Amino acid sequence: MYKNTVTSENTPDSHKAVIIGQIDYQLTQIADGDNIDAIKEHFKWVLANDFYKNELSAEQIASLESYLPDNYADDYEDIPS
């Protein structure tokens, strides 16, 4: 998974509200055992993109990370030049 594929240059700011608006619902779903794998991948993707991650509170980030393995960021790669 590449880091920071979503940027202000290629994504309108309005997308932030859409993605961030999904987080609380997805936290509820995953806590209930629903759609676990897809939500974990989405959490990793959100956290890999500073465009979205910077919109989250520390509490939200900690909640997302609580469902991921400690080494989840090892899956991230820089975009090739």
PDB file of N, CA and C in Angstrom:
ATOM      1  N   MET A   1       0.856  -1.161   0.000  1.00  0.00           N
ATOM      2  CA  MET A   1       0.000   0.000   0.000  1.00  0.00           C
ATOM      3  C   MET A   1       0.908   1.231   0.000  1.00  0.00           C
ATOM      4  N   TYR A   2       0.657   2.112  -0.964  1.00  0.00           N
ATOM      5  CA  TYR A   2       1.468   3.320  -1.044  1.00  0.00           C
ATOM      6  C   TYR A   2       0.969   4.401  -0.092  1.00  0.00           C
ATOM      7  N   LYS A   3       1.915   5.142   0.470  1.00  0.00           N
ATOM      8  CA  LYS A   3       1.592   6.252   1.368  1.00  0.00           C
ATOM      9  C   LYS A   3       1.241   7.486   0.542  1.00  0.00           C
ATOM     10  N   ASN A   4       0.287   8.234   1.045  1.00  0.00           N
ATOM     11  CA  ASN A   4      -0.063   9.548   0.515  1.00  0.00           C
ATOM     12  C   ASN A   4      -0.369   9.566  -0.981  1.00  0.00           C
ATOM     13  N   THR A   5      -1.168   8.567  -1.406  1.00  0.00           N
ATOM     14  CA  THR A   5      -1.631   8.568  -2.789  1.00  0.00           C
ATOM     15  C   THR A   5      -2.751   9.582  -2.973  1.00  0.00           C
ATOM     16  N   VAL A   6      -3.406   9.924  -1.887  1.00  0.00           N
ATOM     17  CA  VAL A   6      -4.468  10.933  -1.914  1.00  0.00           C
ATOM     18  C   VAL A   6      -3.871  12.241  -1.410  1.00  0.00           C
ATOM     19  N   THR A   7      -3.971  13.264  -2.228  1.00  0.00           N
ATOM     20  CA  THR A   7      -3.412  14.571  -1.876  1.00  0.00           C
ATOM     21  C   THR A   7      -4.403  15.665  -2.223  1.00  0.00           C
ATOM     22  N   SER A   8      -4.126  16.867  -1.776  1.00  0.00           N
ATOM     23  CA  SER A   8      -4.997  17.990  -2.122  1.00  0.00           C
ATOM     24  C   SER A   8      -4.915  18.308  -3.609  1.00  0.00           C
ATOM     25  N   GLU A   9      -3.875  17.839  -4.287  1.00  0.00           N
ATOM     26  CA  GLU A   9      -3.749  18.065  -5.724  1.00  0.00           C
ATOM     27  C   GLU A   9      -4.666  17.140  -6.543  1.00  0.00           C
ATOM     28  N   ASN A  10      -4.961  15.946  -6.023  1.00  0.00           N
ATOM     29  CA  ASN A  10      -5.757  15.009  -6.817  1.00  0.00           C
ATOM     30  C   ASN A  10      -7.110  14.657  -6.206  1.00  0.00           C
ATOM     31  N   THR A  11      -7.457  15.306  -5.106  1.00  0.00           N
ATOM     32  CA  THR A  11      -8.718  14.996  -4.426  1.00  0.00           C
ATOM     33  C   THR A  11      -9.317  16.272  -3.846  1.00  0.00           C
ATOM     34  N   PRO A  12     -10.595  16.520  -4.131  1.00  0.00           N
ATOM     35  CA  PRO A  12     -11.214  17.711  -3.546  1.00  0.00           C
ATOM     36  C   PRO A  12     -11.360  17.585  -2.026  1.00  0.00           C
ATOM     37  N   ASP A  13     -11.284  18.710  -1.343  1.00  0.00           N
ATOM     38  CA  ASP A  13     -11.430  18.717   0.115  1.00  0.00           C
ATOM     39  C   ASP A  13     -12.759  18.116   0.566  1.00  0.00           C
ATOM     40  N   SER A  14     -13.770  18.172  -0.281  1.00  0.00           N
ATOM     41  CA  SER A  14     -15.077  17.631   0.095  1.00  0.00           C
ATOM     42  C   SER A  14     -15.012  16.129   0.378  1.00  0.00           C
ATOM     43  N   HIS A  15     -14.016  15.447  -0.158  1.00  0.00           N
ATOM     44  CA  HIS A  15     -13.873  14.012   0.088  1.00  0.00           C
ATOM     45  C   HIS A  15     -13.479  13.730   1.531  1.00  0.00           C
ATOM     46  N   LYS A  16     -12.836  14.695   2.175  1.00  0.00           N
ATOM     47  CA  LYS A  16     -12.452  14.503   3.580  1.00  0.00           C
ATOM     48  C   LYS A  16     -13.684  14.228   4.432  1.00  0.00           C
ATOM     49  N   ALA A  17     -14.723  15.015   4.227  1.00  0.00           N
ATOM     50  CA  ALA A  17     -15.938  14.847   5.028  1.00  0.00           C
ATOM     51  C   ALA A  17     -16.574  13.486   4.793  1.00  0.00           C
ATOM     52  N   VAL A  18     -16.523  13.009   3.568  1.00  0.00           N
ATOM     53  CA  VAL A  18     -17.105  11.700   3.245  1.00  0.00           C
ATOM     54  C   VAL A  18     -16.361  10.594   3.972  1.00  0.00           C
ATOM     55  N   ILE A  19     -15.041  10.593   3.842  1.00  0.00           N
ATOM     56  CA  ILE A  19     -14.241   9.533   4.459  1.00  0.00           C
ATOM     57  C   ILE A  19     -14.292   9.624   5.978  1.00  0.00           C
ATOM     58  N   ILE A  20     -14.079  10.803   6.512  1.00  0.00           N
ATOM     59  CA  ILE A  20     -14.070  10.977   7.958  1.00  0.00           C
ATOM     60  C   ILE A  20     -15.453  10.672   8.538  1.00  0.00           C
ATOM     61  N   GLY A  21     -16.489  10.987   7.785  1.00  0.00           N
ATOM     62  CA  GLY A  21     -17.844  10.700   8.228  1.00  0.00           C
ATOM     63  C   GLY A  21     -18.135   9.211   8.350  1.00  0.00           C
ATOM     64  N   GLN A  22     -17.369   8.394   7.654  1.00  0.00           N
ATOM     65  CA  GLN A  22     -17.564   6.939   7.711  1.00  0.00           C
ATOM     66  C   GLN A  22     -16.914   6.306   8.933  1.00  0.00           C
ATOM     67  N   ILE A  23     -15.957   6.980   9.515  1.00  0.00           N
ATOM     68  CA  ILE A  23     -15.123   6.358  10.550  1.00  0.00           C
ATOM     69  C   ILE A  23     -15.931   5.896  11.759  1.00  0.00           C
ATOM     70  N   ASP A  24     -16.754   6.746  12.325  1.00  0.00           N
ATOM     71  CA  ASP A  24     -17.513   6.343  13.522  1.00  0.00           C
ATOM     72  C   ASP A  24     -18.435   5.158  13.232  1.00  0.00           C
ATOM     73  N   TYR A  25     -19.087   5.179  12.071  1.00  0.00           N
ATOM     74  CA  TYR A  25     -19.956   4.062  11.696  1.00  0.00           C
ATOM     75  C   TYR A  25     -19.140   2.781  11.545  1.00  0.00           C
ATOM     76  N   GLN A  26     -17.986   2.883  10.907  1.00  0.00           N
ATOM     77  CA  GLN A  26     -17.150   1.696  10.716  1.00  0.00           C
ATOM     78  C   GLN A  26     -16.606   1.180  12.048  1.00  0.00           C
ATOM     79  N   LEU A  27     -16.311   2.073  12.975  1.00  0.00           N
ATOM     80  CA  LEU A  27     -15.881   1.632  14.301  1.00  0.00           C
ATOM     81  C   LEU A  27     -16.989   0.843  14.990  1.00  0.00           C
ATOM     82  N   THR A  28     -18.224   1.270  14.812  1.00  0.00           N
ATOM     83  CA  THR A  28     -19.364   0.539  15.372  1.00  0.00           C
ATOM     84  C   THR A  28     -19.504  -0.819  14.701  1.00  0.00           C
ATOM     85  N   GLN A  29     -19.391  -0.837  13.382  1.00  0.00           N
ATOM     86  CA  GLN A  29     -19.507  -2.100  12.645  1.00  0.00           C
ATOM     87  C   GLN A  29     -18.444  -3.102  13.078  1.00  0.00           C
ATOM     88  N   ILE A  30     -17.209  -2.654  13.111  1.00  0.00           N
ATOM     89  CA  ILE A  30     -16.117  -3.581  13.429  1.00  0.00           C
ATOM     90  C   ILE A  30     -16.220  -4.069  14.878  1.00  0.00           C
ATOM     91  N   ALA A  31     -16.683  -3.214  15.767  1.00  0.00           N
ATOM     92  CA  ALA A  31     -16.888  -3.630  17.163  1.00  0.00           C
ATOM     93  C   ALA A  31     -17.959  -4.707  17.251  1.00  0.00           C
ATOM     94  N   ASP A  32     -18.921  -4.655  16.336  1.00  0.00           N
ATOM     95  CA  ASP A  32     -19.989  -5.653  16.288  1.00  0.00           C
ATOM     96  C   ASP A  32     -19.592  -6.898  15.494  1.00  0.00           C
ATOM     97  N   GLY A  33     -18.359  -6.899  14.939  1.00  0.00           N
ATOM     98  CA  GLY A  33     -17.888  -8.052  14.176  1.00  0.00           C
ATOM     99  C   GLY A  33     -18.343  -8.072  12.735  1.00  0.00           C
ATOM    100  N   ASP A  34     -18.810  -6.945  12.235  1.00  0.00           N
ATOM    101  CA  ASP A  34     -19.297  -6.863  10.856  1.00  0.00           C
ATOM    102  C   ASP A  34     -18.217  -6.339   9.923  1.00  0.00           C
ATOM    103  N   ASN A  35     -18.065  -7.000   8.763  1.00  0.00           N
ATOM    104  CA  ASN A  35     -17.227  -6.494   7.677  1.00  0.00           C
ATOM    105  C   ASN A  35     -15.787  -6.201   8.130  1.00  0.00           C
ATOM    106  N   ILE A  36     -15.265  -7.031   8.991  1.00  0.00           N
ATOM    107  CA  ILE A  36     -13.989  -6.773   9.668  1.00  0.00           C
ATOM    108  C   ILE A  36     -12.823  -6.557   8.707  1.00  0.00           C
ATOM    109  N   ASP A  37     -12.597  -7.471   7.785  1.00  0.00           N
ATOM    110  CA  ASP A  37     -11.419  -7.372   6.914  1.00  0.00           C
ATOM    111  C   ASP A  37     -11.448  -6.131   6.042  1.00  0.00           C
ATOM    112  N   ALA A  38     -12.599  -5.832   5.465  1.00  0.00           N
ATOM    113  CA  ALA A  38     -12.714  -4.646   4.606  1.00  0.00           C
ATOM    114  C   ALA A  38     -12.496  -3.367   5.406  1.00  0.00           C
ATOM    115  N   ILE A  39     -13.036  -3.327   6.602  1.00  0.00           N
ATOM    116  CA  ILE A  39     -12.880  -2.127   7.430  1.00  0.00           C
ATOM    117  C   ILE A  39     -11.432  -1.969   7.876  1.00  0.00           C
ATOM    118  N   LYS A  40     -10.775  -3.045   8.231  1.00  0.00           N
ATOM    119  CA  LYS A  40      -9.363  -2.952   8.607  1.00  0.00           C
ATOM    120  C   LYS A  40      -8.541  -2.393   7.449  1.00  0.00           C
ATOM    121  N   GLU A  41      -8.810  -2.856   6.244  1.00  0.00           N
ATOM    122  CA  GLU A  41      -8.085  -2.339   5.074  1.00  0.00           C
ATOM    123  C   GLU A  41      -8.382  -0.859   4.873  1.00  0.00           C
ATOM    124  N   HIS A  42      -9.622  -0.472   5.093  1.00  0.00           N
ATOM    125  CA  HIS A  42      -9.974   0.948   4.967  1.00  0.00           C
ATOM    126  C   HIS A  42      -9.250   1.778   6.026  1.00  0.00           C
ATOM    127  N   PHE A  43      -9.195   1.288   7.241  1.00  0.00           N
ATOM    128  CA  PHE A  43      -8.475   1.993   8.304  1.00  0.00           C
ATOM    129  C   PHE A  43      -7.009   2.177   7.928  1.00  0.00           C
ATOM    130  N   LYS A  44      -6.382   1.108   7.421  1.00  0.00           N
ATOM    131  CA  LYS A  44      -4.982   1.217   7.004  1.00  0.00           C
ATOM    132  C   LYS A  44      -4.826   2.258   5.903  1.00  0.00           C
ATOM    133  N   TRP A  45      -5.748   2.266   4.957  1.00  0.00           N
ATOM    134  CA  TRP A  45      -5.696   3.215   3.847  1.00  0.00           C
ATOM    135  C   TRP A  45      -5.851   4.653   4.346  1.00  0.00           C
ATOM    136  N   VAL A  46      -6.807   4.876   5.230  1.00  0.00           N
ATOM    137  CA  VAL A  46      -7.008   6.220   5.790  1.00  0.00           C
ATOM    138  C   VAL A  46      -5.739   6.682   6.505  1.00  0.00           C
ATOM    139  N   LEU A  47      -5.168   5.803   7.315  1.00  0.00           N
ATOM    140  CA  LEU A  47      -3.975   6.161   8.083  1.00  0.00           C
ATOM    141  C   LEU A  47      -2.739   6.335   7.196  1.00  0.00           C
ATOM    142  N   ALA A  48      -2.748   5.738   6.013  1.00  0.00           N
ATOM    143  CA  ALA A  48      -1.622   5.870   5.078  1.00  0.00           C
ATOM    144  C   ALA A  48      -1.660   7.197   4.329  1.00  0.00           C
ATOM    145  N   ASN A  49      -2.783   7.882   4.385  1.00  0.00           N
ATOM    146  CA  ASN A  49      -2.961   9.124   3.632  1.00  0.00           C
ATOM    147  C   ASN A  49      -3.119  10.300   4.589  1.00  0.00           C
ATOM    148  N   ASP A  50      -2.065  11.095   4.698  1.00  0.00           N
ATOM    149  CA  ASP A  50      -2.094  12.245   5.600  1.00  0.00           C
ATOM    150  C   ASP A  50      -3.240  13.198   5.285  1.00  0.00           C
ATOM    151  N   PHE A  51      -3.672  13.232   4.022  1.00  0.00           N
ATOM    152  CA  PHE A  51      -4.797  14.063   3.599  1.00  0.00           C
ATOM    153  C   PHE A  51      -6.012  13.793   4.491  1.00  0.00           C
ATOM    154  N   TYR A  52      -6.227  12.527   4.835  1.00  0.00           N
ATOM    155  CA  TYR A  52      -7.338  12.145   5.710  1.00  0.00           C
ATOM    156  C   TYR A  52      -6.905  12.055   7.173  1.00  0.00           C
ATOM    157  N   LYS A  53      -5.766  11.432   7.413  1.00  0.00           N
ATOM    158  CA  LYS A  53      -5.307  11.209   8.786  1.00  0.00           C
ATOM    159  C   LYS A  53      -5.220  12.515   9.563  1.00  0.00           C
ATOM    160  N   ASN A  54      -4.801  13.571   8.918  1.00  0.00           N
ATOM    161  CA  ASN A  54      -4.664  14.861   9.596  1.00  0.00           C
ATOM    162  C   ASN A  54      -6.004  15.441  10.030  1.00  0.00           C
ATOM    163  N   GLU A  55      -7.093  14.901   9.521  1.00  0.00           N
ATOM    164  CA  GLU A  55      -8.436  15.348   9.903  1.00  0.00           C
ATOM    165  C   GLU A  55      -8.963  14.613  11.134  1.00  0.00           C
ATOM    166  N   LEU A  56      -8.280  13.546  11.524  1.00  0.00           N
ATOM    167  CA  LEU A  56      -8.737  12.723  12.650  1.00  0.00           C
ATOM    168  C   LEU A  56      -8.174  13.227  13.968  1.00  0.00           C
ATOM    169  N   SER A  57      -8.920  13.010  15.031  1.00  0.00           N
ATOM    170  CA  SER A  57      -8.416  13.322  16.370  1.00  0.00           C
ATOM    171  C   SER A  57      -7.467  12.200  16.803  1.00  0.00           C
ATOM    172  N   ALA A  58      -6.673  12.470  17.809  1.00  0.00           N
ATOM    173  CA  ALA A  58      -5.775  11.448  18.356  1.00  0.00           C
ATOM    174  C   ALA A  58      -6.579  10.249  18.848  1.00  0.00           C
ATOM    175  N   GLU A  59      -7.741  10.520  19.414  1.00  0.00           N
ATOM    176  CA  GLU A  59      -8.602   9.436  19.902  1.00  0.00           C
ATOM    177  C   GLU A  59      -9.092   8.560  18.746  1.00  0.00           C
ATOM    178  N   GLN A  60      -9.489   9.188  17.637  1.00  0.00           N
ATOM    179  CA  GLN A  60      -9.936   8.417  16.477  1.00  0.00           C
ATOM    180  C   GLN A  60      -8.795   7.575  15.908  1.00  0.00           C
ATOM    181  N   ILE A  61      -7.614   8.167  15.801  1.00  0.00           N
ATOM    182  CA  ILE A  61      -6.463   7.431  15.283  1.00  0.00           C
ATOM    183  C   ILE A  61      -6.181   6.228  16.171  1.00  0.00           C
ATOM    184  N   ALA A  62      -6.197   6.427  17.478  1.00  0.00           N
ATOM    185  CA  ALA A  62      -5.960   5.322  18.412  1.00  0.00           C
ATOM    186  C   ALA A  62      -7.025   4.236  18.255  1.00  0.00           C
ATOM    187  N   SER A  63      -8.263   4.635  18.031  1.00  0.00           N
ATOM    188  CA  SER A  63      -9.333   3.655  17.835  1.00  0.00           C
ATOM    189  C   SER A  63      -9.100   2.832  16.582  1.00  0.00           C
ATOM    190  N   LEU A  64      -8.732   3.488  15.488  1.00  0.00           N
ATOM    191  CA  LEU A  64      -8.446   2.768  14.248  1.00  0.00           C
ATOM    192  C   LEU A  64      -7.278   1.815  14.454  1.00  0.00           C
ATOM    193  N   GLU A  65      -6.220   2.326  15.058  1.00  0.00           N
ATOM    194  CA  GLU A  65      -5.022   1.516  15.260  1.00  0.00           C
ATOM    195  C   GLU A  65      -5.274   0.330  16.188  1.00  0.00           C
ATOM    196  N   SER A  66      -6.242   0.440  17.072  1.00  0.00           N
ATOM    197  CA  SER A  66      -6.516  -0.655  18.003  1.00  0.00           C
ATOM    198  C   SER A  66      -6.999  -1.916  17.285  1.00  0.00           C
ATOM    199  N   TYR A  67      -7.490  -1.781  16.068  1.00  0.00           N
ATOM    200  CA  TYR A  67      -7.957  -2.929  15.293  1.00  0.00           C
ATOM    201  C   TYR A  67      -6.900  -3.455  14.332  1.00  0.00           C
ATOM    202  N   LEU A  68      -5.748  -2.811  14.306  1.00  0.00           N
ATOM    203  CA  LEU A  68      -4.688  -3.189  13.381  1.00  0.00           C
ATOM    204  C   LEU A  68      -3.513  -3.778  14.148  1.00  0.00           C
ATOM    205  N   PRO A  69      -2.717  -4.621  13.480  1.00  0.00           N
ATOM    206  CA  PRO A  69      -1.528  -5.136  14.156  1.00  0.00           C
ATOM    207  C   PRO A  69      -0.534  -4.006  14.426  1.00  0.00           C
ATOM    208  N   ASP A  70       0.306  -4.190  15.409  1.00  0.00           N
ATOM    209  CA  ASP A  70       1.279  -3.157  15.773  1.00  0.00           C
ATOM    210  C   ASP A  70       2.156  -2.733  14.598  1.00  0.00           C
ATOM    211  N   ASN A  71       2.429  -3.638  13.702  1.00  0.00           N
ATOM    212  CA  ASN A  71       3.322  -3.354  12.585  1.00  0.00           C
ATOM    213  C   ASN A  71       2.582  -3.012  11.284  1.00  0.00           C
ATOM    214  N   TYR A  72       1.348  -2.551  11.390  1.00  0.00           N
ATOM    215  CA  TYR A  72       0.554  -2.287  10.185  1.00  0.00           C
ATOM    216  C   TYR A  72       1.246  -1.324   9.224  1.00  0.00           C
ATOM    217  N   ALA A  73       1.990  -0.366   9.747  1.00  0.00           N
ATOM    218  CA  ALA A  73       2.641   0.628   8.890  1.00  0.00           C
ATOM    219  C   ALA A  73       3.766   0.016   8.061  1.00  0.00           C
ATOM    220  N   ASP A  74       4.202  -1.188   8.406  1.00  0.00           N
ATOM    221  CA  ASP A  74       5.227  -1.871   7.604  1.00  0.00           C
ATOM    222  C   ASP A  74       4.707  -2.188   6.209  1.00  0.00           C
ATOM    223  N   ASP A  75       3.399  -2.208   6.031  1.00  0.00           N
ATOM    224  CA  ASP A  75       2.807  -2.480   4.718  1.00  0.00           C
ATOM    225  C   ASP A  75       2.855  -1.255   3.806  1.00  0.00           C
ATOM    226  N   TYR A  76       3.211  -0.105   4.341  1.00  0.00           N
ATOM    227  CA  TYR A  76       3.236   1.119   3.555  1.00  0.00           C
ATOM    228  C   TYR A  76       4.539   1.249   2.782  1.00  0.00           C
ATOM    229  N   GLU A  77       4.422   1.773   1.562  1.00  0.00           N
ATOM    230  CA  GLU A  77       5.585   2.063   0.740  1.00  0.00           C
ATOM    231  C   GLU A  77       5.467   3.486   0.231  1.00  0.00           C
ATOM    232  N   ASP A  78       6.613   4.091  -0.010  1.00  0.00           N
ATOM    233  CA  ASP A  78       6.599   5.407  -0.659  1.00  0.00           C
ATOM    234  C   ASP A  78       6.243   5.211  -2.121  1.00  0.00           C
ATOM    235  N   ILE A  79       5.590   6.187  -2.699  1.00  0.00           N
ATOM    236  CA  ILE A  79       5.259   6.140  -4.117  1.00  0.00           C
ATOM    237  C   ILE A  79       6.567   6.192  -4.909  1.00  0.00           C
ATOM    238  N   PRO A  80       6.741   5.287  -5.868  1.00  0.00           N
ATOM    239  CA  PRO A  80       7.967   5.322  -6.659  1.00  0.00           C
ATOM    240  C   PRO A  80       8.100   6.639  -7.428  1.00  0.00           C
ATOM    241  N   SER A  81       9.304   7.090  -7.557  1.00  0.00           N
ATOM    242  CA  SER A  81       9.557   8.348  -8.281  1.00  0.00           C
ATOM    243  C   SER A  81       9.506   8.136  -9.773  1.00  0.00           C
TER     244      SER A  81
END
